[in-house]
N, C-alpha and C. Protein backbone atom coordinates (compact mmCIF):
# COMPACT_ATOMS: atom_id res chain seq x y z
N MET A 1 32.26 14.28 12.04
CA MET A 1 31.94 12.91 12.11
C MET A 1 32.80 12.16 11.30
N ASN A 2 33.60 11.35 11.60
CA ASN A 2 34.37 10.49 10.74
C ASN A 2 33.78 9.21 10.11
N VAL A 3 34.36 8.60 9.25
CA VAL A 3 33.73 7.71 8.37
C VAL A 3 33.46 6.45 9.26
N LEU A 4 34.26 6.13 10.10
CA LEU A 4 34.05 4.98 11.20
C LEU A 4 32.72 4.98 12.02
N SER A 5 32.59 6.28 12.56
CA SER A 5 31.42 6.67 13.36
C SER A 5 30.11 6.58 12.48
N ALA A 6 30.35 7.21 11.08
CA ALA A 6 29.39 7.21 10.36
C ALA A 6 28.66 5.80 9.88
N LEU A 7 29.66 4.97 9.67
CA LEU A 7 29.28 3.63 9.32
C LEU A 7 28.64 2.82 10.49
N LEU A 8 29.14 2.98 11.69
CA LEU A 8 28.59 2.37 12.99
C LEU A 8 27.25 2.99 13.12
N THR A 9 26.89 4.05 12.95
CA THR A 9 25.78 4.87 13.28
C THR A 9 24.59 4.16 12.18
N ALA A 10 25.21 3.89 10.91
CA ALA A 10 24.32 3.33 9.89
C ALA A 10 24.07 2.01 10.09
N LEU A 11 24.86 1.23 10.59
CA LEU A 11 24.69 -0.17 11.16
C LEU A 11 23.68 -0.27 12.29
N VAL A 12 23.80 0.45 13.26
CA VAL A 12 22.95 0.59 14.26
C VAL A 12 21.36 1.00 14.15
N PHE A 13 21.41 2.04 13.20
CA PHE A 13 20.15 2.58 13.02
C PHE A 13 19.54 2.16 11.78
N ALA A 14 20.23 1.29 10.87
CA ALA A 14 19.81 1.05 9.62
C ALA A 14 18.39 0.15 9.57
N PRO A 15 17.99 -0.70 10.45
CA PRO A 15 16.76 -1.04 10.43
C PRO A 15 15.51 -0.19 10.63
N ALA A 16 15.82 0.80 11.33
CA ALA A 16 14.90 1.85 11.52
C ALA A 16 14.47 2.69 10.29
N TYR A 17 15.33 2.75 9.39
CA TYR A 17 15.19 3.53 8.40
C TYR A 17 15.15 2.89 7.03
N ALA A 18 15.44 1.66 7.02
CA ALA A 18 15.64 0.88 5.83
C ALA A 18 14.38 0.51 5.28
N PRO A 19 14.32 0.36 3.88
CA PRO A 19 13.10 -0.20 3.28
C PRO A 19 12.69 -1.49 3.76
N ASP A 20 11.41 -1.95 3.57
CA ASP A 20 10.95 -3.23 3.91
C ASP A 20 11.80 -4.36 3.43
N TRP A 21 12.13 -4.42 2.11
CA TRP A 21 12.85 -5.33 1.50
C TRP A 21 14.25 -5.81 2.10
N VAL A 22 14.93 -4.75 2.79
CA VAL A 22 16.13 -4.78 3.55
C VAL A 22 15.89 -5.61 4.73
N THR A 23 14.80 -5.26 5.47
CA THR A 23 14.73 -6.03 6.84
C THR A 23 13.68 -7.20 6.94
N GLN A 24 13.53 -7.80 5.76
CA GLN A 24 12.70 -9.00 5.60
C GLN A 24 13.45 -10.28 6.53
N THR A 25 12.62 -11.14 6.76
CA THR A 25 13.33 -12.37 7.44
C THR A 25 14.34 -13.07 6.71
N PRO A 26 15.25 -13.87 7.39
CA PRO A 26 16.19 -14.75 6.63
C PRO A 26 15.69 -15.78 5.52
N GLY A 27 14.51 -16.15 5.87
CA GLY A 27 13.76 -17.21 5.11
C GLY A 27 13.51 -16.66 3.72
N LEU A 28 13.26 -15.26 3.55
CA LEU A 28 13.09 -14.73 2.26
C LEU A 28 14.29 -14.62 1.56
N TRP A 29 15.26 -14.29 2.17
CA TRP A 29 16.67 -14.25 1.55
C TRP A 29 16.94 -15.90 1.03
N LEU A 30 16.83 -16.58 1.95
CA LEU A 30 17.11 -18.14 1.68
C LEU A 30 16.29 -18.60 0.46
N ILE A 31 15.05 -18.36 0.45
CA ILE A 31 14.24 -18.93 -0.72
C ILE A 31 14.73 -18.35 -1.91
N PHE A 32 14.60 -16.88 -2.09
CA PHE A 32 14.98 -16.21 -3.43
C PHE A 32 16.37 -16.30 -3.67
N GLY A 33 17.13 -16.23 -2.67
CA GLY A 33 18.62 -16.14 -3.11
C GLY A 33 19.45 -17.58 -3.12
N ILE A 34 18.88 -18.54 -2.65
CA ILE A 34 19.70 -19.81 -2.53
C ILE A 34 18.94 -21.00 -3.26
N ILE A 35 17.63 -21.15 -2.90
CA ILE A 35 16.86 -22.27 -3.22
C ILE A 35 16.39 -22.09 -4.65
N PHE A 36 16.26 -20.83 -5.12
CA PHE A 36 15.89 -20.47 -6.59
C PHE A 36 16.98 -20.59 -7.44
N VAL A 37 18.31 -20.54 -7.08
CA VAL A 37 19.38 -20.58 -8.11
C VAL A 37 19.15 -21.70 -9.06
N PRO A 38 18.80 -22.89 -8.81
CA PRO A 38 18.71 -23.78 -10.15
C PRO A 38 17.65 -23.24 -11.00
N VAL A 39 16.57 -22.57 -10.51
CA VAL A 39 15.49 -22.08 -11.30
C VAL A 39 16.04 -20.92 -12.20
N TYR A 40 16.77 -20.02 -11.60
CA TYR A 40 17.53 -19.03 -12.43
C TYR A 40 18.34 -19.55 -13.29
N ILE A 41 19.02 -20.40 -13.06
CA ILE A 41 20.10 -21.17 -14.02
C ILE A 41 19.38 -21.60 -15.36
N PHE A 42 18.34 -22.43 -15.04
CA PHE A 42 17.61 -23.07 -16.17
C PHE A 42 16.86 -22.03 -17.00
N ILE A 43 16.31 -20.90 -16.29
CA ILE A 43 15.54 -19.99 -17.15
C ILE A 43 16.64 -19.36 -18.16
N GLY A 44 17.62 -18.84 -17.46
CA GLY A 44 18.82 -18.30 -18.19
C GLY A 44 19.36 -18.99 -19.32
N SER A 45 19.45 -20.44 -18.98
CA SER A 45 20.22 -21.36 -20.07
C SER A 45 19.02 -21.44 -21.17
N TRP A 46 17.92 -21.35 -20.98
CA TRP A 46 16.82 -21.23 -22.02
C TRP A 46 17.27 -20.35 -23.04
N PHE A 47 17.38 -19.02 -22.68
CA PHE A 47 17.75 -17.89 -23.54
C PHE A 47 19.06 -17.67 -23.85
N LEU A 48 20.08 -17.90 -23.02
CA LEU A 48 21.41 -17.82 -23.19
C LEU A 48 22.30 -18.94 -23.75
N GLY A 49 21.63 -19.99 -23.68
CA GLY A 49 22.29 -21.41 -24.24
C GLY A 49 22.47 -21.29 -25.69
N LYS A 50 23.40 -22.21 -26.19
CA LYS A 50 23.66 -22.50 -27.63
C LYS A 50 23.34 -23.86 -27.87
N PRO A 51 22.62 -24.42 -28.86
CA PRO A 51 21.81 -23.47 -29.73
C PRO A 51 20.73 -22.92 -29.23
N GLY A 52 20.47 -21.74 -29.46
CA GLY A 52 19.28 -21.06 -29.01
C GLY A 52 18.17 -20.86 -30.02
N ASN A 53 16.91 -21.16 -29.25
CA ASN A 53 15.72 -20.88 -30.20
C ASN A 53 14.86 -20.04 -29.27
N PHE A 54 14.72 -18.84 -29.60
CA PHE A 54 13.72 -17.77 -28.76
C PHE A 54 12.36 -18.31 -28.53
N LYS A 55 11.75 -18.70 -29.56
CA LYS A 55 10.38 -19.31 -29.67
C LYS A 55 10.12 -20.40 -28.61
N THR A 56 10.96 -21.38 -28.55
CA THR A 56 10.99 -22.44 -27.74
C THR A 56 11.29 -22.07 -26.17
N ALA A 57 12.24 -21.25 -26.21
CA ALA A 57 12.50 -20.54 -24.90
C ALA A 57 11.41 -19.96 -24.21
N MET A 58 10.65 -19.04 -25.05
CA MET A 58 9.52 -18.21 -24.45
C MET A 58 8.30 -19.22 -24.17
N LEU A 59 8.11 -20.27 -25.07
CA LEU A 59 7.02 -21.12 -24.78
C LEU A 59 7.22 -21.78 -23.48
N GLY A 60 8.61 -22.33 -23.18
CA GLY A 60 8.77 -22.87 -21.76
C GLY A 60 8.61 -21.98 -20.65
N PHE A 61 9.03 -20.70 -20.68
CA PHE A 61 8.99 -19.63 -19.77
C PHE A 61 7.54 -19.46 -19.65
N VAL A 62 6.63 -19.32 -20.67
CA VAL A 62 5.25 -18.83 -20.35
C VAL A 62 4.45 -20.12 -19.70
N VAL A 63 4.90 -21.42 -20.11
CA VAL A 63 4.32 -22.47 -19.32
C VAL A 63 4.62 -22.59 -17.97
N PHE A 64 5.96 -22.43 -17.68
CA PHE A 64 6.37 -22.29 -16.20
C PHE A 64 5.75 -21.19 -15.41
N ILE A 65 5.52 -19.97 -15.97
CA ILE A 65 4.93 -18.77 -15.15
C ILE A 65 3.44 -19.22 -15.10
N GLY A 66 2.86 -19.94 -16.14
CA GLY A 66 1.30 -20.34 -15.97
C GLY A 66 1.24 -21.28 -14.84
N LEU A 67 2.11 -22.27 -14.80
CA LEU A 67 1.97 -23.19 -13.72
C LEU A 67 2.13 -22.52 -12.31
N ILE A 68 2.96 -21.58 -12.18
CA ILE A 68 3.19 -20.90 -11.04
C ILE A 68 1.90 -20.29 -10.64
N VAL A 69 1.29 -19.48 -11.68
CA VAL A 69 0.14 -18.69 -11.31
C VAL A 69 -1.05 -19.76 -10.98
N LEU A 70 -1.01 -20.89 -11.63
CA LEU A 70 -2.20 -21.90 -11.28
C LEU A 70 -1.89 -22.42 -9.75
N LEU A 71 -0.87 -22.52 -9.51
CA LEU A 71 -0.40 -23.10 -8.08
C LEU A 71 -0.83 -22.08 -7.07
N TRP A 72 -0.49 -20.78 -7.23
CA TRP A 72 -0.75 -19.76 -6.33
C TRP A 72 -2.30 -19.44 -6.29
N THR A 73 -2.83 -19.39 -7.30
CA THR A 73 -4.35 -19.37 -7.52
C THR A 73 -5.09 -20.40 -6.68
N GLY A 74 -4.81 -21.69 -6.92
CA GLY A 74 -5.22 -22.62 -6.14
C GLY A 74 -4.98 -22.55 -4.44
N MET A 75 -3.87 -22.24 -4.31
CA MET A 75 -3.55 -22.01 -2.72
C MET A 75 -4.36 -20.79 -2.26
N PHE A 76 -4.66 -19.77 -2.89
CA PHE A 76 -5.25 -18.77 -2.54
C PHE A 76 -6.78 -19.06 -2.23
N LEU A 77 -7.45 -19.65 -3.34
CA LEU A 77 -8.84 -20.24 -3.21
C LEU A 77 -8.79 -21.19 -1.89
N GLN A 78 -7.93 -22.10 -1.65
CA GLN A 78 -8.06 -23.04 -0.72
C GLN A 78 -7.98 -22.36 0.53
N THR A 79 -7.15 -21.26 0.62
CA THR A 79 -7.02 -20.30 1.84
C THR A 79 -8.37 -19.64 2.18
N MET A 80 -9.00 -19.05 1.17
CA MET A 80 -10.11 -18.36 1.34
C MET A 80 -11.17 -19.45 1.64
N LEU A 81 -11.21 -20.67 1.12
CA LEU A 81 -12.36 -21.74 1.48
C LEU A 81 -12.20 -22.04 3.12
N ILE A 82 -10.99 -22.25 3.58
CA ILE A 82 -10.66 -22.50 5.02
C ILE A 82 -11.01 -21.32 5.71
N ARG A 83 -10.92 -20.20 5.26
CA ARG A 83 -11.25 -19.07 6.08
C ARG A 83 -12.68 -18.94 6.25
N PHE A 84 -13.53 -19.02 5.26
CA PHE A 84 -14.91 -19.02 5.19
C PHE A 84 -15.52 -20.15 5.96
N VAL A 85 -15.12 -21.22 5.81
CA VAL A 85 -15.64 -22.45 6.49
C VAL A 85 -15.36 -22.49 7.90
N PHE A 86 -14.10 -22.09 8.38
CA PHE A 86 -13.72 -22.07 9.86
C PHE A 86 -13.74 -21.00 10.61
N PHE A 87 -13.83 -19.87 10.00
CA PHE A 87 -13.69 -18.70 10.80
C PHE A 87 -14.87 -17.71 10.46
């Protein structure tokens, strides 16, 4: 088996043997790969920017993660409320 046929075989049968994160929908790659780029940049700039203050950067990061957790918890509770009321 030469290299070209091995590559073609891997491309054709890759979805059958690939882990789930490789075969996710394009929307997942769009959200985490393109839309979140500004988020990655501002979090990185908090820690890598000059003048740097690690304590302030961690405070901002913890507040940001806390807001995300609160939003996801609220969405989960609302989803469960809708489930129990309507289904």
